């Protein structure tokens, strides 16, 4: 029972973050000074976090960060969050905006039985910069819904899309080509490489 509960909490943790665990990574400030810490990106709060002893701290202010290299992911600040620079070329750049909605499904009670008490949205963005992960100490059961989207940068313009419909809206003159390619190649918009191939072909 305790093993199952432990694995459940570990799975919840992994779903919450971009990486399965905090990794030693380097952030480069706009002044050129590197900062090396154990970083991970929280996809629920859309905040970059790092470990300091037993504490998990939010990286702030992100306006001072130029680039953060997170275990193979090149992350740059954009507004209040970070985007991954997935592809760059003279024609366009593709960036990934990681986001997951977190819902509390119930609690594990006596003998490991999950109890339901209504589904509610959980928003941790109201927490301060210095906070502990309350969910990590409890036995709440959560589910996650992926809301990851893409940004395409052409010149200085940044435009967002998430699926075929929103992509066609950005490029109405390419509608037939985009829809034909998606149908022929069965494009899955959760697959970043497939989305990139679509853009390279159609744009």
C-alpha atoms as a PDB file:
ATOM      1  CA  UNK A   1       0.000   0.000   0.000  1.00  0.00           C
ATOM      2  CA  UNK A   2       2.717   2.446   1.000  1.00  0.00           C
ATOM      3  CA  UNK A   3       4.716   1.588  -2.133  1.00  0.00           C
ATOM      4  CA  UNK A   4       1.680   2.334  -4.341  1.00  0.00           C
ATOM      5  CA  UNK A   5       1.120   5.652  -2.550  1.00  0.00           C
ATOM      6  CA  UNK A   6       4.783   6.579  -2.969  1.00  0.00           C
ATOM      7  CA  UNK A   7       4.713   5.769  -6.686  1.00  0.00           C
ATOM      8  CA  UNK A   8       1.505   7.795  -7.067  1.00  0.00           C
ATOM      9  CA  UNK A   9       3.131  10.860  -5.524  1.00  0.00           C
ATOM     10  CA  UNK A  10       6.213  10.436  -7.702  1.00  0.00           C
ATOM     11  CA  UNK A  11       4.025  10.253 -10.815  1.00  0.00           C
ATOM     12  CA  UNK A  12       2.164  13.410  -9.743  1.00  0.00           C
ATOM     13  CA  UNK A  13       5.507  15.145  -9.288  1.00  0.00           C
ATOM     14  CA  UNK A  14       6.727  14.084 -12.738  1.00  0.00           C
ATOM     15  CA  UNK A  15       3.522  15.259 -14.431  1.00  0.00           C
ATOM     16  CA  UNK A  16       3.838  18.652 -12.819  1.00  0.00           C
ATOM     17  CA  UNK A  17       7.328  19.377 -14.133  1.00  0.00           C
ATOM     18  CA  UNK A  18       9.011  19.400 -17.523  1.00  0.00           C
ATOM     19  CA  UNK A  19      11.800  17.109 -16.268  1.00  0.00           C
ATOM     20  CA  UNK A  20      11.359  14.006 -14.124  1.00  0.00           C
ATOM     21  CA  UNK A  21      13.642  15.551 -11.491  1.00  0.00           C
ATOM     22  CA  UNK A  22      15.613  18.709 -10.759  1.00  0.00           C
ATOM     23  CA  UNK A  23      18.822  18.725 -12.793  1.00  0.00           C
ATOM     24  CA  UNK A  24      22.057  20.740 -12.530  1.00  0.00           C
ATOM     25  CA  UNK A  25      21.637  23.421 -15.200  1.00  0.00           C
ATOM     26  CA  UNK A  26      23.062  26.809 -16.120  1.00  0.00           C
ATOM     27  CA  UNK A  27      21.210  30.098 -16.382  1.00  0.00           C
ATOM     28  CA  UNK A  28      22.988  32.966 -18.139  1.00  0.00           C
ATOM     29  CA  UNK A  29      22.074  36.445 -16.926  1.00  0.00           C
ATOM     30  CA  UNK A  30      21.857  39.470 -19.218  1.00  0.00           C
ATOM     31  CA  UNK A  31      25.073  40.661 -17.616  1.00  0.00           C
ATOM     32  CA  UNK A  32      26.774  37.491 -18.827  1.00  0.00           C
ATOM     33  CA  UNK A  33      27.182  35.913 -15.389  1.00  0.00           C
ATOM     34  CA  UNK A  34      26.287  32.187 -15.267  1.00  0.00           C
ATOM     35  CA  UNK A  35      24.174  30.770 -12.426  1.00  0.00           C
ATOM     36  CA  UNK A  36      24.391  27.037 -11.783  1.00  0.00           C
ATOM     37  CA  UNK A  37      21.660  25.385  -9.696  1.00  0.00           C
ATOM     38  CA  UNK A  38      19.375  22.347  -9.737  1.00  0.00           C
ATOM     39  CA  UNK A  39      16.563  23.657 -11.963  1.00  0.00           C
ATOM     40  CA  UNK A  40      13.229  22.371 -13.229  1.00  0.00           C
ATOM     41  CA  UNK A  41      10.308  24.025 -15.026  1.00  0.00           C
ATOM     42  CA  UNK A  42       6.926  23.891 -13.314  1.00  0.00           C
ATOM     43  CA  UNK A  43       4.393  23.518 -16.140  1.00  0.00           C
ATOM     44  CA  UNK A  44       1.430  24.184 -13.821  1.00  0.00           C
ATOM     45  CA  UNK A  45       2.601  27.526 -12.461  1.00  0.00           C
ATOM     46  CA  UNK A  46       4.707  28.166 -15.593  1.00  0.00           C
ATOM     47  CA  UNK A  47       7.646  29.180 -13.450  1.00  0.00           C
ATOM     48  CA  UNK A  48      11.301  28.192 -13.356  1.00  0.00           C
ATOM     49  CA  UNK A  49      12.232  26.715  -9.987  1.00  0.00           C
ATOM     50  CA  UNK A  50      15.434  25.614  -8.290  1.00  0.00           C
ATOM     51  CA  UNK A  51      16.392  23.732  -5.158  1.00  0.00           C
ATOM     52  CA  UNK A  52      18.078  25.390  -2.213  1.00  0.00           C
ATOM     53  CA  UNK A  53      18.547  22.800   0.507  1.00  0.00           C
ATOM     54  CA  UNK A  54      15.094  21.443   1.326  1.00  0.00           C
ATOM     55  CA  UNK A  55      13.363  24.456  -0.188  1.00  0.00           C
ATOM     56  CA  UNK A  56      12.065  24.833  -3.735  1.00  0.00           C
ATOM     57  CA  UNK A  57      12.403  28.453  -4.836  1.00  0.00           C
ATOM     58  CA  UNK A  58      10.973  30.286  -7.802  1.00  0.00           C
ATOM     59  CA  UNK A  59      13.546  31.999 -10.046  1.00  0.00           C
ATOM     60  CA  UNK A  60      12.822  35.732  -9.910  1.00  0.00           C
ATOM     61  CA  UNK A  61      13.085  38.222 -11.482  1.00  0.00           C
ATOM     62  CA  UNK A  62      13.229  36.371 -14.800  1.00  0.00           C
ATOM     63  CA  UNK A  63      13.719  39.665 -16.648  1.00  0.00           C
ATOM     64  CA  UNK A  64      17.380  39.415 -15.635  1.00  0.00           C
ATOM     65  CA  UNK A  65      17.808  36.028 -17.339  1.00  0.00           C
ATOM     66  CA  UNK A  66      18.969  35.814 -20.942  1.00  0.00           C
ATOM     67  CA  UNK A  67      18.945  32.038 -21.506  1.00  0.00           C
ATOM     68  CA  UNK A  68      18.596  28.971 -19.310  1.00  0.00           C
ATOM     69  CA  UNK A  69      19.915  25.634 -20.570  1.00  0.00           C
ATOM     70  CA  UNK A  70      17.686  23.022 -18.936  1.00  0.00           C
ATOM     71  CA  UNK A  71      18.891  19.499 -19.723  1.00  0.00           C
ATOM     72  CA  UNK A  72      18.834  19.916 -23.519  1.00  0.00           C
ATOM     73  CA  UNK A  73      16.056  22.519 -23.500  1.00  0.00           C
ATOM     74  CA  UNK A  74      17.016  26.076 -24.409  1.00  0.00           C
ATOM     75  CA  UNK A  75      14.665  28.237 -22.353  1.00  0.00           C
ATOM     76  CA  UNK A  76      14.179  31.994 -22.646  1.00  0.00           C
ATOM     77  CA  UNK A  77      11.980  34.337 -20.563  1.00  0.00           C
ATOM     78  CA  UNK A  78       8.809  35.611 -22.204  1.00  0.00           C
ATOM     79  CA  UNK A  79       6.500  37.759 -20.119  1.00  0.00           C
ATOM     80  CA  UNK A  80       6.065  35.981 -16.794  1.00  0.00           C
ATOM     81  CA  UNK A  81       7.099  32.521 -18.020  1.00  0.00           C
ATOM     82  CA  UNK A  82       9.738  30.642 -20.022  1.00  0.00           C
ATOM     83  CA  UNK A  83       9.477  29.326 -23.583  1.00  0.00           C
ATOM     84  CA  UNK A  84      11.636  26.629 -25.133  1.00  0.00           C
ATOM     85  CA  UNK A  85      13.418  27.629 -28.341  1.00  0.00           C
ATOM     86  CA  UNK A  86      12.785  24.424 -30.282  1.00  0.00           C
ATOM     87  CA  UNK A  87      13.924  25.585 -33.727  1.00  0.00           C
ATOM     88  CA  UNK A  88      15.586  28.651 -35.239  1.00  0.00           C
ATOM     89  CA  UNK A  89      16.203  29.578 -38.861  1.00  0.00           C
ATOM     90  CA  UNK A  90      16.346  32.774 -40.950  1.00  0.00           C
ATOM     91  CA  UNK A  91      12.755  32.040 -42.078  1.00  0.00           C
ATOM     92  CA  UNK A  92      11.103  31.450 -38.700  1.00  0.00           C
ATOM     93  CA  UNK A  93      11.562  30.203 -35.138  1.00  0.00           C
ATOM     94  CA  UNK A  94       9.371  27.706 -33.287  1.00  0.00           C
ATOM     95  CA  UNK A  95       8.971  28.034 -29.527  1.00  0.00           C
ATOM     96  CA  UNK A  96       7.102  25.778 -27.096  1.00  0.00           C
ATOM     97  CA  UNK A  97       4.927  27.193 -24.317  1.00  0.00           C
ATOM     98  CA  UNK A  98       4.586  24.390 -21.742  1.00  0.00           C
ATOM     99  CA  UNK A  99       1.392  24.494 -19.696  1.00  0.00           C
ATOM    100  CA  UNK A 100      -0.614  21.955 -17.700  1.00  0.00           C
ATOM    101  CA  UNK A 101      -3.867  22.419 -15.821  1.00  0.00           C
ATOM    102  CA  UNK A 102      -3.977  20.678 -12.461  1.00  0.00           C
ATOM    103  CA  UNK A 103      -7.180  19.354 -10.893  1.00  0.00           C
ATOM    104  CA  UNK A 104      -7.692  17.760  -7.504  1.00  0.00           C
ATOM    105  CA  UNK A 105      -9.645  14.521  -7.999  1.00  0.00           C
ATOM    106  CA  UNK A 106      -9.847  13.389  -4.384  1.00  0.00           C
ATOM    107  CA  UNK A 107      -7.848  12.201  -1.399  1.00  0.00           C
ATOM    108  CA  UNK A 108      -6.436   8.846  -0.404  1.00  0.00           C
ATOM    109  CA  UNK A 109      -8.079   7.959   2.898  1.00  0.00           C
ATOM    110  CA  UNK A 110      -7.832   4.984   5.195  1.00  0.00           C
ATOM    111  CA  UNK A 111      -6.533   1.760   3.655  1.00  0.00           C
ATOM    112  CA  UNK A 112      -5.490   3.657   0.524  1.00  0.00           C
ATOM    113  CA  UNK A 113      -9.068   4.274  -0.688  1.00  0.00           C
ATOM    114  CA  UNK A 114      -9.534   7.415  -2.747  1.00  0.00           C
ATOM    115  CA  UNK A 115     -12.429   9.632  -1.716  1.00  0.00           C
ATOM    116  CA  UNK A 116     -14.129  12.103  -4.038  1.00  0.00           C
ATOM    117  CA  UNK A 117     -15.069  15.588  -2.904  1.00  0.00           C
ATOM    118  CA  UNK A 118     -15.670  17.482  -6.119  1.00  0.00           C
ATOM    119  CA  UNK A 119     -13.166  18.466  -8.766  1.00  0.00           C
ATOM    120  CA  UNK A 120     -11.665  21.893  -8.396  1.00  0.00           C
ATOM    121  CA  UNK A 121      -8.994  23.879 -10.173  1.00  0.00           C
ATOM    122  CA  UNK A 122      -5.802  24.391  -8.227  1.00  0.00           C
ATOM    123  CA  UNK A 123      -3.880  27.568  -8.963  1.00  0.00           C
ATOM    124  CA  UNK A 124      -0.482  27.862  -7.270  1.00  0.00           C
ATOM    125  CA  UNK A 125       0.401  31.088  -9.047  1.00  0.00           C
ATOM    126  CA  UNK A 126      -0.833  33.004  -6.013  1.00  0.00           C
ATOM    127  CA  UNK A 127       1.998  31.591  -3.926  1.00  0.00           C
ATOM    128  CA  UNK A 128       5.057  33.661  -3.142  1.00  0.00           C
ATOM    129  CA  UNK A 129       8.492  33.262  -4.609  1.00  0.00           C
ATOM    130  CA  UNK A 130       9.650  31.207  -1.626  1.00  0.00           C
ATOM    131  CA  UNK A 131       7.332  28.265  -0.983  1.00  0.00           C
ATOM    132  CA  UNK A 132       7.247  24.563  -0.196  1.00  0.00           C
ATOM    133  CA  UNK A 133       5.313  22.159  -2.358  1.00  0.00           C
ATOM    134  CA  UNK A 134       2.290  21.553  -0.123  1.00  0.00           C
ATOM    135  CA  UNK A 135       0.964  18.821  -2.417  1.00  0.00           C
ATOM    136  CA  UNK A 136       4.232  16.897  -1.977  1.00  0.00           C
ATOM    137  CA  UNK A 137       3.557  16.439   1.744  1.00  0.00           C
ATOM    138  CA  UNK A 138      -0.098  15.423   1.367  1.00  0.00           C
ATOM    139  CA  UNK A 139      -1.988  12.543  -0.153  1.00  0.00           C
ATOM    140  CA  UNK A 140      -4.158  14.455  -2.600  1.00  0.00           C
ATOM    141  CA  UNK A 141      -4.832  12.785  -5.932  1.00  0.00           C
ATOM    142  CA  UNK A 142      -4.452  15.050  -8.962  1.00  0.00           C
ATOM    143  CA  UNK A 143      -5.006  14.792 -12.670  1.00  0.00           C
ATOM    144  CA  UNK A 144      -3.431  16.950 -15.354  1.00  0.00           C
ATOM    145  CA  UNK A 145      -4.579  18.273 -18.696  1.00  0.00           C
ATOM    146  CA  UNK A 146      -1.985  19.354 -21.205  1.00  0.00           C
ATOM    147  CA  UNK A 147      -2.459  22.889 -22.525  1.00  0.00           C
ATOM    148  CA  UNK A 148       0.925  23.261 -24.210  1.00  0.00           C
ATOM    149  CA  UNK A 149       0.931  25.609 -27.196  1.00  0.00           C
ATOM    150  CA  UNK A 150       3.398  26.917 -29.761  1.00  0.00           C
ATOM    151  CA  UNK A 151       4.706  30.329 -30.744  1.00  0.00           C
ATOM    152  CA  UNK A 152       5.989  30.986 -34.240  1.00  0.00           C
ATOM    153  CA  UNK A 153       8.303  33.947 -34.666  1.00  0.00           C
ATOM    154  CA  UNK A 154       8.665  35.503 -38.111  1.00  0.00           C
ATOM    155  CA  UNK A 155      10.860  38.587 -38.028  1.00  0.00           C
ATOM    156  CA  UNK A 156       9.860  40.329 -34.805  1.00  0.00           C
ATOM    157  CA  UNK A 157       6.281  39.080 -34.792  1.00  0.00           C
ATOM    158  CA  UNK A 158       5.275  36.365 -32.320  1.00  0.00           C
ATOM    159  CA  UNK A 159       2.049  34.470 -32.995  1.00  0.00           C
ATOM    160  CA  UNK A 160       0.555  31.622 -30.980  1.00  0.00           C
ATOM    161  CA  UNK A 161      -1.203  28.415 -32.084  1.00  0.00           C
ATOM    162  CA  UNK A 162      -2.153  25.126 -30.499  1.00  0.00           C
ATOM    163  CA  UNK A 163      -3.872  23.025 -33.154  1.00  0.00           C
ATOM    164  CA  UNK A 164      -4.714  22.885 -36.864  1.00  0.00           C
ATOM    165  CA  UNK A 165      -7.578  25.357 -36.551  1.00  0.00           C
ATOM    166  CA  UNK A 166      -5.519  28.041 -34.809  1.00  0.00           C
ATOM    167  CA  UNK A 167      -2.587  27.504 -37.200  1.00  0.00           C
ATOM    168  CA  UNK A 168      -4.809  28.000 -40.266  1.00  0.00           C
ATOM    169  CA  UNK A 169      -6.075  31.251 -38.745  1.00  0.00           C
ATOM    170  CA  UNK A 170      -2.505  32.543 -38.706  1.00  0.00           C
ATOM    171  CA  UNK A 171      -1.898  31.589 -42.342  1.00  0.00           C
ATOM    172  CA  UNK A 172      -5.277  31.609 -44.149  1.00  0.00           C
ATOM    173  CA  UNK A 173      -3.559  31.736 -47.548  1.00  0.00           C
ATOM    174  CA  UNK A 174      -1.910  28.376 -46.718  1.00  0.00           C
ATOM    175  CA  UNK A 175      -5.134  26.714 -45.536  1.00  0.00           C
ATOM    176  CA  UNK A 176      -5.377  24.036 -48.246  1.00  0.00           C
ATOM    177  CA  UNK A 177      -1.704  23.155 -48.041  1.00  0.00           C
ATOM    178  CA  UNK A 178      -1.733  22.925 -44.233  1.00  0.00           C
ATOM    179  CA  UNK A 179      -4.926  20.872 -44.035  1.00  0.00           C
ATOM    180  CA  UNK A 180      -3.761  18.558 -46.812  1.00  0.00           C
ATOM    181  CA  UNK A 181      -0.394  17.946 -45.132  1.00  0.00           C
ATOM    182  CA  UNK A 182      -2.025  17.303 -41.735  1.00  0.00           C
ATOM    183  CA  UNK A 183      -4.448  14.783 -43.244  1.00  0.00           C
ATOM    184  CA  UNK A 184      -1.805  12.995 -45.305  1.00  0.00           C
ATOM    185  CA  UNK A 185       0.767  12.734 -42.508  1.00  0.00           C
ATOM    186  CA  UNK A 186      -1.646  12.350 -39.557  1.00  0.00           C
ATOM    187  CA  UNK A 187       0.007  15.185 -37.665  1.00  0.00           C
ATOM    188  CA  UNK A 188      -0.163  14.976 -33.877  1.00  0.00           C
ATOM    189  CA  UNK A 189       0.129  18.490 -32.438  1.00  0.00           C
ATOM    190  CA  UNK A 190       1.512  17.114 -29.181  1.00  0.00           C
ATOM    191  CA  UNK A 191       4.512  15.849 -31.180  1.00  0.00           C
ATOM    192  CA  UNK A 192       6.874  18.814 -31.510  1.00  0.00           C
ATOM    193  CA  UNK A 193       8.920  17.258 -34.323  1.00  0.00           C
ATOM    194  CA  UNK A 194       5.830  16.572 -36.422  1.00  0.00           C
ATOM    195  CA  UNK A 195       4.652  20.158 -35.933  1.00  0.00           C
ATOM    196  CA  UNK A 196       8.066  21.444 -37.007  1.00  0.00           C
ATOM    197  CA  UNK A 197       8.014  19.291 -40.177  1.00  0.00           C
ATOM    198  CA  UNK A 198       4.565  20.684 -40.956  1.00  0.00           C
ATOM    199  CA  UNK A 199       5.796  24.253 -40.649  1.00  0.00           C
ATOM    200  CA  UNK A 200       8.950  23.629 -42.680  1.00  0.00           C
ATOM    201  CA  UNK A 201       6.913  22.138 -45.522  1.00  0.00           C
ATOM    202  CA  UNK A 202       4.020  24.580 -45.566  1.00  0.00           C
ATOM    203  CA  UNK A 203       5.755  27.857 -44.738  1.00  0.00           C
END
